[in-house]
N, C-alpha and C. Protein backbone atom coordinates (compact mmCIF):
# COMPACT_ATOMS: atom_id res chain seq x y z
N MET A 1 -35.26 13.87 3.46
CA MET A 1 -33.94 13.32 4.51
C MET A 1 -32.59 13.03 4.06
N GLN A 2 -32.63 12.50 2.77
CA GLN A 2 -31.48 12.38 1.88
C GLN A 2 -30.62 13.55 1.88
N HIS A 3 -31.35 14.57 1.36
CA HIS A 3 -31.00 15.94 1.00
C HIS A 3 -30.41 16.73 2.16
N ARG A 4 -30.97 16.59 3.29
CA ARG A 4 -30.25 16.99 4.52
C ARG A 4 -29.35 16.56 5.00
N ARG A 5 -29.08 15.15 4.89
CA ARG A 5 -27.78 14.60 5.25
C ARG A 5 -26.59 14.80 4.09
N ARG A 6 -27.02 15.22 3.02
CA ARG A 6 -25.95 15.68 2.08
C ARG A 6 -25.57 17.09 2.41
N VAL A 7 -26.40 17.86 2.60
CA VAL A 7 -26.13 19.37 3.24
C VAL A 7 -25.14 19.21 4.38
N ALA A 8 -25.41 18.38 5.33
CA ALA A 8 -24.72 18.30 6.67
C ALA A 8 -23.35 17.67 6.31
N GLU A 9 -23.14 16.88 5.17
CA GLU A 9 -21.86 16.54 5.07
C GLU A 9 -21.09 17.44 4.39
N PHE A 10 -21.82 18.13 3.78
CA PHE A 10 -20.74 19.53 2.92
C PHE A 10 -20.42 20.35 3.78
N GLY A 11 -21.68 20.73 4.96
CA GLY A 11 -21.14 21.35 6.24
C GLY A 11 -20.22 20.99 6.89
N LEU A 12 -19.99 19.86 7.37
CA LEU A 12 -18.84 19.22 7.85
C LEU A 12 -17.28 19.22 7.15
N ALA A 13 -17.31 19.03 6.07
CA ALA A 13 -16.51 19.10 5.15
C ALA A 13 -15.82 20.38 5.04
N SER A 14 -16.76 21.50 5.20
CA SER A 14 -16.54 22.98 4.73
C SER A 14 -15.79 23.35 6.11
N ALA A 15 -16.50 22.73 7.27
CA ALA A 15 -15.66 23.12 8.73
C ALA A 15 -14.42 22.38 8.94
N ALA A 16 -14.02 21.38 8.29
CA ALA A 16 -12.87 20.72 8.42
C ALA A 16 -11.93 21.68 7.42
N VAL A 17 -12.35 22.05 6.40
CA VAL A 17 -11.41 22.77 5.58
C VAL A 17 -11.06 24.05 6.17
N ALA A 18 -12.05 24.78 6.89
CA ALA A 18 -11.73 26.00 7.57
C ALA A 18 -10.91 25.81 8.66
N ALA A 19 -10.89 24.75 9.23
CA ALA A 19 -10.30 24.05 10.23
C ALA A 19 -8.63 24.13 9.96
N VAL A 20 -8.34 23.32 8.71
CA VAL A 20 -7.19 23.32 8.17
C VAL A 20 -6.54 24.55 7.92
N THR A 21 -7.48 25.53 7.59
CA THR A 21 -7.06 26.92 7.03
C THR A 21 -6.38 27.21 8.13
N LEU A 22 -7.07 27.31 9.33
CA LEU A 22 -6.60 28.10 10.38
C LEU A 22 -5.13 27.57 10.85
N CYS A 23 -4.96 26.27 10.87
CA CYS A 23 -4.00 25.48 11.23
C CYS A 23 -2.90 25.88 10.20
N ALA A 24 -2.92 25.90 9.17
CA ALA A 24 -1.95 26.36 8.12
C ALA A 24 -1.37 27.81 8.49
N GLN A 25 -2.61 28.77 8.45
CA GLN A 25 -2.10 30.34 8.95
C GLN A 25 -1.07 30.14 10.50
N LEU A 26 -1.65 29.25 11.53
CA LEU A 26 -0.85 29.48 12.63
C LEU A 26 0.70 28.74 12.48
N ALA A 27 0.57 27.81 11.52
CA ALA A 27 1.84 26.96 11.21
C ALA A 27 2.88 27.96 10.82
N LEU A 28 2.41 28.96 9.83
CA LEU A 28 3.58 29.61 9.00
C LEU A 28 4.28 30.33 10.02
N LEU A 29 4.11 30.69 10.98
CA LEU A 29 4.85 31.31 11.87
C LEU A 29 5.63 32.66 11.49
N GLY A 30 5.27 33.47 10.39
CA GLY A 30 5.73 34.53 9.91
C GLY A 30 6.89 34.14 9.00
N ILE A 31 7.04 32.68 8.67
CA ILE A 31 8.16 32.57 7.92
C ILE A 31 7.70 32.66 6.08
N GLY A 32 6.62 32.84 6.03
CA GLY A 32 6.14 33.11 4.41
C GLY A 32 6.33 34.74 4.24
N SER A 33 6.15 35.46 5.59
CA SER A 33 6.73 37.02 5.21
C SER A 33 8.07 37.00 5.15
N ALA A 34 8.60 36.21 5.80
CA ALA A 34 10.34 36.40 5.95
C ALA A 34 10.95 35.91 4.74
N ILE A 35 10.29 35.10 3.92
CA ILE A 35 10.85 34.66 2.56
C ILE A 35 10.68 35.88 1.63
N ILE A 36 9.59 36.65 1.51
CA ILE A 36 9.61 37.59 0.87
C ILE A 36 10.53 38.59 1.10
N THR A 37 10.96 38.74 2.17
CA THR A 37 12.17 39.71 2.52
C THR A 37 13.30 39.31 2.20
N LEU A 38 13.63 38.06 2.54
CA LEU A 38 15.22 37.68 2.65
C LEU A 38 15.20 36.76 1.43
N LEU A 39 14.23 36.17 0.54
CA LEU A 39 14.72 35.55 -0.90
C LEU A 39 15.50 36.39 -1.96
N PRO A 40 15.07 37.56 -2.12
CA PRO A 40 15.69 38.46 -2.74
C PRO A 40 16.96 39.06 -2.46
N ALA A 41 17.20 39.13 -1.12
CA ALA A 41 18.26 39.67 -0.54
C ALA A 41 19.34 38.67 -0.61
N HIS A 42 18.82 37.41 -0.72
CA HIS A 42 20.14 36.27 -0.18
C HIS A 42 20.09 35.36 -1.76
N GLU A 43 20.42 35.92 -2.61
CA GLU A 43 20.24 35.13 -3.89
C GLU A 43 21.20 33.86 -3.92
N GLU A 44 22.52 33.77 -3.34
CA GLU A 44 23.37 32.97 -3.17
C GLU A 44 22.97 31.80 -2.42
N ARG A 45 22.10 32.19 -1.49
CA ARG A 45 21.71 30.93 -0.57
C ARG A 45 20.10 30.73 -0.54
N SER A 46 19.56 31.13 -1.52
CA SER A 46 18.25 30.91 -1.61
C SER A 46 17.49 29.41 -1.55
N ALA A 47 18.34 28.60 -1.94
CA ALA A 47 17.82 27.10 -2.12
C ALA A 47 17.94 26.55 -0.43
N ARG A 48 18.95 27.04 0.21
CA ARG A 48 19.02 26.63 1.58
C ARG A 48 17.77 27.27 2.24
N LEU A 49 17.77 28.30 1.90
CA LEU A 49 16.57 29.26 2.76
C LEU A 49 15.24 28.78 2.67
N LEU A 50 14.89 28.14 1.45
CA LEU A 50 13.88 27.50 1.05
C LEU A 50 13.73 25.93 1.75
N ASP A 51 14.93 25.59 1.72
CA ASP A 51 14.98 24.15 2.30
C ASP A 51 14.77 24.05 3.77
N VAL A 52 15.21 25.26 4.70
CA VAL A 52 14.92 25.49 5.86
C VAL A 52 13.57 25.75 6.06
N ALA A 53 12.91 26.43 5.46
CA ALA A 53 11.53 26.92 5.58
C ALA A 53 10.65 25.69 5.51
N ILE A 54 10.88 25.13 4.50
CA ILE A 54 10.11 23.62 3.98
C ILE A 54 10.14 22.92 5.35
N THR A 55 11.23 22.61 5.79
CA THR A 55 11.42 21.61 6.96
C THR A 55 10.67 22.11 8.14
N VAL A 56 10.86 23.66 8.44
CA VAL A 56 10.40 23.83 9.73
C VAL A 56 8.60 24.21 9.48
N LEU A 57 8.27 24.38 8.20
CA LEU A 57 6.87 24.46 7.85
C LEU A 57 6.05 23.08 8.13
N ILE A 58 6.84 22.04 7.73
CA ILE A 58 6.32 20.79 7.57
C ILE A 58 6.09 20.24 9.12
N ALA A 59 6.93 20.58 9.88
CA ALA A 59 7.05 20.40 11.37
C ALA A 59 5.74 21.10 11.95
N SER A 60 5.56 22.18 11.87
CA SER A 60 4.88 23.27 12.36
C SER A 60 3.57 22.98 11.88
N SER A 61 3.07 22.42 10.59
CA SER A 61 1.95 22.15 10.29
C SER A 61 1.58 20.96 10.92
N LEU A 62 2.43 20.16 11.30
CA LEU A 62 1.92 18.70 11.76
C LEU A 62 1.66 19.04 13.09
N VAL A 63 2.41 19.82 13.90
CA VAL A 63 2.01 20.03 15.42
C VAL A 63 0.74 20.89 15.50
N ALA A 64 0.63 21.84 14.40
CA ALA A 64 -0.87 22.80 14.46
C ALA A 64 -1.78 21.70 14.16
N GLY A 65 -1.84 20.96 13.27
CA GLY A 65 -2.74 19.98 12.95
C GLY A 65 -3.04 18.84 14.12
N LEU A 66 -1.98 18.40 14.50
CA LEU A 66 -2.06 17.34 15.59
C LEU A 66 -2.87 18.17 16.78
N GLY A 67 -2.40 19.40 17.01
CA GLY A 67 -3.23 19.91 18.45
C GLY A 67 -4.41 20.23 17.86
N PHE A 68 -5.03 20.67 16.45
CA PHE A 68 -6.25 20.93 16.51
C PHE A 68 -6.99 19.43 16.65
N LEU A 69 -6.47 18.28 15.89
CA LEU A 69 -7.21 17.15 16.27
C LEU A 69 -7.45 16.49 17.83
N LEU A 70 -6.33 17.25 18.31
CA LEU A 70 -6.94 16.77 19.70
C LEU A 70 -8.11 17.71 20.56
N PHE A 71 -7.83 18.75 20.11
CA PHE A 71 -9.03 19.93 20.65
C PHE A 71 -10.30 19.07 19.99
N ALA A 72 -10.47 19.18 18.63
CA ALA A 72 -11.62 18.76 18.08
C ALA A 72 -12.06 17.13 18.50
N GLY A 73 -11.14 16.23 18.90
CA GLY A 73 -11.58 15.24 19.26
C GLY A 73 -11.89 15.18 21.04
N THR A 74 -11.66 16.16 21.61
CA THR A 74 -12.26 16.23 23.07
C THR A 74 -13.14 17.35 23.45
N THR A 75 -13.27 18.13 22.31
CA THR A 75 -14.14 19.51 22.88
C THR A 75 -14.93 19.86 21.69
N LEU A 76 -14.78 19.53 20.52
CA LEU A 76 -15.98 20.06 19.54
C LEU A 76 -16.82 18.75 18.71
N GLU A 77 -17.73 18.50 19.59
CA GLU A 77 -18.79 17.48 19.00
C GLU A 77 -18.68 17.25 17.44
N GLU A 78 -19.37 18.32 16.90
CA GLU A 78 -19.42 18.29 15.27
C GLU A 78 -18.16 17.61 14.51
N LEU A 79 -17.10 17.98 15.16
CA LEU A 79 -15.64 17.65 14.24
C LEU A 79 -14.98 16.22 15.01
N GLN A 80 -15.58 15.78 16.02
CA GLN A 80 -15.15 14.78 16.66
C GLN A 80 -14.80 13.59 15.68
N VAL A 81 -15.71 13.49 14.55
CA VAL A 81 -15.42 12.65 13.56
C VAL A 81 -13.93 12.85 13.00
N VAL A 82 -13.59 13.77 12.45
CA VAL A 82 -12.37 14.31 11.87
C VAL A 82 -11.26 13.58 12.81
N ALA A 83 -11.15 13.75 14.05
CA ALA A 83 -10.09 13.20 15.09
C ALA A 83 -10.28 11.67 15.13
N SER A 84 -11.53 11.21 15.22
CA SER A 84 -11.81 10.04 15.50
C SER A 84 -11.28 8.83 14.43
N GLN A 85 -11.57 9.29 13.31
CA GLN A 85 -11.53 8.45 12.14
C GLN A 85 -9.93 8.56 11.59
N PRO A 86 -9.20 7.45 11.77
CA PRO A 86 -7.82 7.49 11.30
C PRO A 86 -7.60 8.10 9.96
N THR A 87 -8.38 7.58 8.92
CA THR A 87 -8.13 8.22 7.51
C THR A 87 -8.32 9.62 7.44
N TYR A 88 -9.54 10.02 8.14
CA TYR A 88 -10.09 11.31 8.12
C TYR A 88 -8.81 12.28 8.78
N ALA A 89 -8.32 11.83 9.82
CA ALA A 89 -7.22 12.71 10.48
C ALA A 89 -5.89 12.87 9.64
N ALA A 90 -5.52 11.36 8.80
CA ALA A 90 -4.41 11.52 8.22
C ALA A 90 -4.58 12.68 6.98
N LEU A 91 -6.16 12.50 6.25
CA LEU A 91 -6.24 13.40 5.41
C LEU A 91 -6.23 14.95 5.77
N PHE A 92 -6.60 15.01 7.26
CA PHE A 92 -6.51 16.59 7.53
C PHE A 92 -4.89 16.76 7.81
N LEU A 93 -4.31 16.08 8.23
CA LEU A 93 -2.83 16.40 8.43
C LEU A 93 -2.42 16.63 7.02
N ALA A 94 -2.18 15.63 6.28
CA ALA A 94 -1.85 15.93 4.82
C ALA A 94 -2.32 17.30 4.41
N LEU A 95 -3.65 17.69 4.41
CA LEU A 95 -3.93 19.02 4.05
C LEU A 95 -3.38 20.21 4.88
N ALA A 96 -3.17 20.09 5.96
CA ALA A 96 -2.47 21.15 6.78
C ALA A 96 -1.14 21.08 6.24
N VAL A 97 -0.30 20.22 5.86
CA VAL A 97 1.08 20.38 5.53
C VAL A 97 1.08 20.80 4.07
N CYS A 98 0.07 20.19 3.09
CA CYS A 98 0.16 20.86 1.59
C CYS A 98 -0.52 22.30 1.72
N GLY A 99 -1.29 22.90 2.47
CA GLY A 99 -1.73 24.27 2.61
C GLY A 99 -0.89 25.03 3.22
N THR A 100 -0.09 25.01 4.02
CA THR A 100 1.02 25.72 4.48
C THR A 100 2.30 25.60 3.64
N LEU A 101 2.67 24.77 2.95
CA LEU A 101 3.72 24.59 1.98
C LEU A 101 3.00 25.75 0.89
N GLY A 102 1.79 25.28 0.21
CA GLY A 102 1.30 25.99 -0.78
C GLY A 102 1.65 27.60 -0.59
N VAL A 103 1.35 28.09 0.66
CA VAL A 103 1.25 29.48 1.05
C VAL A 103 2.56 30.05 0.71
N LEU A 104 3.66 29.12 1.44
CA LEU A 104 5.19 29.45 1.27
C LEU A 104 5.67 29.39 -0.13
N PHE A 105 5.01 28.49 -1.16
CA PHE A 105 5.19 28.52 -2.23
C PHE A 105 4.74 29.73 -3.16
N ASP A 106 3.65 30.29 -2.75
CA ASP A 106 2.79 31.36 -3.40
C ASP A 106 4.15 32.76 -2.84
N GLN A 107 4.23 32.78 -1.47
CA GLN A 107 5.14 33.93 -1.15
C GLN A 107 6.21 33.85 -1.80
N ALA A 108 6.85 32.76 -1.84
CA ALA A 108 8.37 32.71 -2.79
C ALA A 108 8.26 33.26 -4.19
N SER A 109 7.11 32.66 -4.61
CA SER A 109 7.05 33.06 -6.33
C SER A 109 6.68 34.49 -6.20
N THR A 110 6.06 34.99 -5.40
CA THR A 110 5.56 36.56 -5.44
C THR A 110 7.13 37.26 -5.20
N ALA A 111 7.92 36.76 -4.12
CA ALA A 111 9.12 37.51 -3.93
C ALA A 111 10.02 37.50 -5.13
N ARG A 112 9.81 36.60 -5.93
CA ARG A 112 10.52 36.50 -7.01
C ARG A 112 10.24 37.08 -8.29
N ARG A 113 8.84 37.71 -8.13
CA ARG A 113 8.20 38.22 -9.63
C ARG A 113 7.64 37.34 -10.08
N HIS A 114 7.06 35.88 -9.94
CA HIS A 114 6.65 34.97 -10.77
C HIS A 114 5.40 34.67 -10.22
N GLY A 115 4.27 36.06 -10.12
CA GLY A 115 3.32 35.57 -9.88
C GLY A 115 2.17 34.89 -10.53
N THR A 116 2.64 34.56 -11.99
CA THR A 116 1.76 33.74 -12.57
C THR A 116 1.92 32.35 -12.18
N LEU A 117 2.86 32.14 -11.56
CA LEU A 117 3.23 30.44 -11.06
C LEU A 117 1.97 30.08 -10.05
N VAL A 118 1.82 31.50 -9.09
CA VAL A 118 0.76 31.37 -8.20
C VAL A 118 -0.62 31.17 -8.94
N MET A 119 -0.79 31.93 -9.80
CA MET A 119 -2.30 31.55 -10.49
C MET A 119 -2.49 30.34 -11.14
N VAL A 120 -1.23 29.60 -11.74
CA VAL A 120 -1.21 28.55 -12.28
C VAL A 120 -1.43 27.35 -11.51
N ARG A 121 -0.74 27.19 -10.30
CA ARG A 121 -1.25 26.38 -9.25
C ARG A 121 -2.53 26.29 -8.83
N GLY A 122 -2.87 27.72 -8.45
CA GLY A 122 -4.35 27.79 -7.94
C GLY A 122 -5.43 27.30 -8.83
N VAL A 123 -5.01 27.60 -10.11
CA VAL A 123 -6.43 27.16 -11.28
C VAL A 123 -6.35 25.65 -11.30
N ALA A 124 -4.94 25.07 -11.41
CA ALA A 124 -4.83 23.66 -11.36
C ALA A 124 -5.43 22.91 -10.12
N ALA A 125 -5.18 23.42 -8.95
CA ALA A 125 -5.45 23.10 -7.61
C ALA A 125 -7.30 22.93 -7.63
N GLY A 126 -7.64 23.81 -7.99
CA GLY A 126 -9.22 24.22 -8.26
C GLY A 126 -9.85 23.31 -9.23
N ILE A 127 -9.16 23.25 -10.19
CA ILE A 127 -10.05 22.35 -10.83
C ILE A 127 -9.74 20.98 -10.74
N VAL A 128 -8.70 20.43 -10.23
CA VAL A 128 -8.89 19.27 -9.55
C VAL A 128 -9.81 18.89 -8.44
N THR A 129 -9.88 19.68 -7.58
CA THR A 129 -10.98 19.67 -6.47
C THR A 129 -12.28 19.67 -7.05
N LEU A 130 -12.50 20.55 -7.95
CA LEU A 130 -13.84 20.74 -8.47
C LEU A 130 -14.20 19.20 -9.23
N VAL A 131 -13.49 18.88 -9.90
CA VAL A 131 -13.46 17.52 -10.62
C VAL A 131 -13.72 16.57 -9.76
N ALA A 132 -12.92 16.31 -8.60
CA ALA A 132 -13.30 15.23 -7.59
C ALA A 132 -14.70 15.48 -6.97
N VAL A 133 -14.83 16.60 -6.62
CA VAL A 133 -16.14 17.06 -6.10
C VAL A 133 -17.12 16.42 -7.15
N ALA A 134 -17.52 16.93 -8.09
CA ALA A 134 -18.23 16.52 -9.33
C ALA A 134 -18.23 15.21 -9.35
N ALA A 135 -17.21 14.24 -9.26
CA ALA A 135 -16.96 12.82 -9.45
C ALA A 135 -17.87 12.33 -8.17
N ILE A 136 -17.80 12.79 -7.06
CA ILE A 136 -18.23 12.30 -5.72
C ILE A 136 -19.81 12.51 -6.05
N GLY A 137 -20.23 13.90 -6.57
CA GLY A 137 -21.74 13.91 -6.67
C GLY A 137 -22.23 13.06 -7.51
N TYR A 138 -21.59 12.90 -8.91
CA TYR A 138 -22.08 11.81 -9.76
C TYR A 138 -22.26 10.40 -9.43
N VAL A 139 -21.41 9.99 -8.67
CA VAL A 139 -21.52 8.65 -8.20
C VAL A 139 -22.56 8.82 -6.86
N GLY A 140 -22.85 9.81 -6.35
CA GLY A 140 -23.84 9.87 -5.45
C GLY A 140 -23.88 9.15 -4.12
N THR A 141 -23.55 7.82 -4.01
CA THR A 141 -23.79 6.97 -2.98
C THR A 141 -22.64 7.29 -1.87
N GLY A 142 -21.45 7.97 -2.69
CA GLY A 142 -20.66 8.06 -1.62
C GLY A 142 -20.24 9.54 -1.20
N THR A 143 -21.17 10.38 -1.09
CA THR A 143 -21.23 11.62 -0.58
C THR A 143 -21.27 12.04 0.64
N THR A 144 -20.01 11.63 1.41
CA THR A 144 -19.46 11.55 2.94
C THR A 144 -18.78 12.94 2.90
N SER A 145 -18.59 13.56 4.07
CA SER A 145 -17.69 14.43 4.32
C SER A 145 -16.38 14.35 3.87
N MET A 146 -16.09 13.06 4.42
CA MET A 146 -14.67 12.50 4.23
C MET A 146 -14.13 12.60 2.84
N ALA A 147 -15.04 12.02 2.01
CA ALA A 147 -14.90 11.91 0.44
C ALA A 147 -14.75 13.33 -0.23
N ILE A 148 -15.78 14.43 0.36
CA ILE A 148 -15.57 15.53 -0.19
C ILE A 148 -14.07 16.33 0.77
N PHE A 149 -13.87 15.98 1.67
CA PHE A 149 -12.73 16.74 2.09
C PHE A 149 -11.29 16.06 1.27
N ALA A 150 -11.62 14.75 1.11
CA ALA A 150 -10.48 14.11 0.27
C ALA A 150 -10.42 14.88 -1.07
N ALA A 151 -11.42 15.54 -1.85
CA ALA A 151 -11.18 16.22 -2.96
C ALA A 151 -10.50 17.47 -2.73
N TRP A 152 -10.70 18.05 -1.57
CA TRP A 152 -9.79 19.36 -0.95
C TRP A 152 -8.41 18.67 -0.93
N VAL A 153 -8.35 17.81 -0.50
CA VAL A 153 -6.75 17.29 0.08
C VAL A 153 -6.16 16.82 -1.50
N ALA A 154 -6.99 16.54 -2.42
CA ALA A 154 -6.28 16.26 -3.82
C ALA A 154 -5.95 17.56 -4.45
N GLY A 155 -6.89 18.59 -4.29
CA GLY A 155 -6.55 19.92 -4.65
C GLY A 155 -5.14 20.57 -3.89
N GLY A 156 -5.14 20.23 -2.60
CA GLY A 156 -3.76 20.80 -1.77
C GLY A 156 -2.37 20.01 -2.16
N LEU A 157 -2.66 18.67 -2.65
CA LEU A 157 -1.53 17.78 -3.09
C LEU A 157 -1.09 18.45 -4.20
N VAL A 158 -1.92 18.81 -5.55
CA VAL A 158 -1.55 19.46 -6.44
C VAL A 158 -0.76 20.94 -6.47
N THR A 159 -1.51 21.67 -5.22
CA THR A 159 -0.66 22.72 -4.71
C THR A 159 0.74 22.57 -4.54
N ALA A 160 0.83 21.54 -3.42
CA ALA A 160 2.16 21.53 -2.82
C ALA A 160 3.39 20.78 -3.52
N LEU A 161 2.66 19.98 -4.45
CA LEU A 161 3.63 19.12 -5.42
C LEU A 161 3.95 20.29 -6.59
N GLY A 162 2.91 21.01 -7.10
CA GLY A 162 3.16 22.04 -8.22
C GLY A 162 4.04 22.98 -7.54
N GLY A 163 4.17 23.16 -6.33
CA GLY A 163 4.82 24.21 -5.82
C GLY A 163 6.39 24.00 -6.09
N LEU A 164 6.26 22.54 -5.58
CA LEU A 164 7.98 22.13 -5.36
C LEU A 164 8.41 22.08 -6.81
N TRP A 165 7.61 21.72 -7.82
CA TRP A 165 8.18 21.53 -8.96
C TRP A 165 8.67 22.97 -9.60
N THR A 166 7.55 24.21 -9.34
CA THR A 166 7.57 25.49 -10.02
C THR A 166 8.85 25.91 -9.25
N MET A 167 9.13 25.91 -8.14
CA MET A 167 10.24 26.42 -7.34
C MET A 167 11.69 26.55 -7.89
N ARG A 168 11.62 25.77 -9.19
CA ARG A 168 12.90 25.75 -9.89
C ARG A 168 12.87 26.84 -11.12
N ARG A 169 11.73 27.43 -11.08
CA ARG A 169 11.99 28.88 -11.84
C ARG A 169 11.90 29.94 -10.89
N VAL A 170 11.65 29.75 -9.46
CA VAL A 170 11.91 30.84 -8.69
C VAL A 170 13.26 30.87 -8.42
N VAL A 171 14.06 29.59 -8.07
CA VAL A 171 15.49 29.56 -7.80
C VAL A 171 15.77 28.76 -8.79
N PRO A 172 16.71 29.00 -9.52
CA PRO A 172 17.25 28.06 -10.61
C PRO A 172 17.48 26.96 -10.24
N ARG A 173 17.58 25.62 -10.77
CA ARG A 173 18.14 24.40 -10.42
C ARG A 173 17.52 24.10 -8.99
N TYR A 174 16.66 24.54 -8.44
CA TYR A 174 16.20 23.94 -6.96
C TYR A 174 15.77 22.63 -7.21
N ARG A 175 16.41 22.07 -5.84
CA ARG A 175 16.08 20.61 -5.81
C ARG A 175 15.73 20.35 -4.13
N CYS A 176 14.58 20.34 -4.05
CA CYS A 176 14.45 20.37 -2.22
C CYS A 176 15.06 19.19 -1.67
N ARG A 177 15.73 19.66 -0.49
CA ARG A 177 16.52 18.89 0.37
C ARG A 177 16.34 19.48 1.72
N PRO A 178 15.22 18.63 2.27
CA PRO A 178 14.86 19.11 3.90
C PRO A 178 15.98 18.95 4.88
N VAL A 179 16.06 19.87 5.73
CA VAL A 179 17.24 19.87 6.46
C VAL A 179 16.72 19.07 7.83
N ALA A 180 17.84 18.45 8.18
CA ALA A 180 17.51 17.32 9.57
C ALA A 180 17.63 18.07 10.82
């Protein structure tokens, strides 16, 4: 019985990760593709372009995430727990923002021919996620879908924060200044 419960917890966490990935894709609004085209063409204003993209994507990913939480809370019986538990919902929104920004940073890095930065961020995020999941498994008693999902959030934070940090290599002396 314990084994089935663990499998169900991993299944729920996987469904939540898939849902947040869908939210991130919807939240992109084509901005990532626009960055690939516009960043190389607008060298002198590339920092401002990134600032606007980051600001819009934070807002759009929060809207997409909140929309999904509303939908899940009212319609999807299996995922109602994500919407009904405030901590789970906050983790969901955090990963929606981090995932969306991660895609933006990957596309900006690609546009400026810094593909190795994408690889480094991806590997670092993967290691953090795997170590966190292994730690949860090692402890054993805390194998809940929220704990597993939190491991993915930790990896997402590495992607987003690492992306902000590596944007200095993409846009020299870049410092994020979100637009009001």
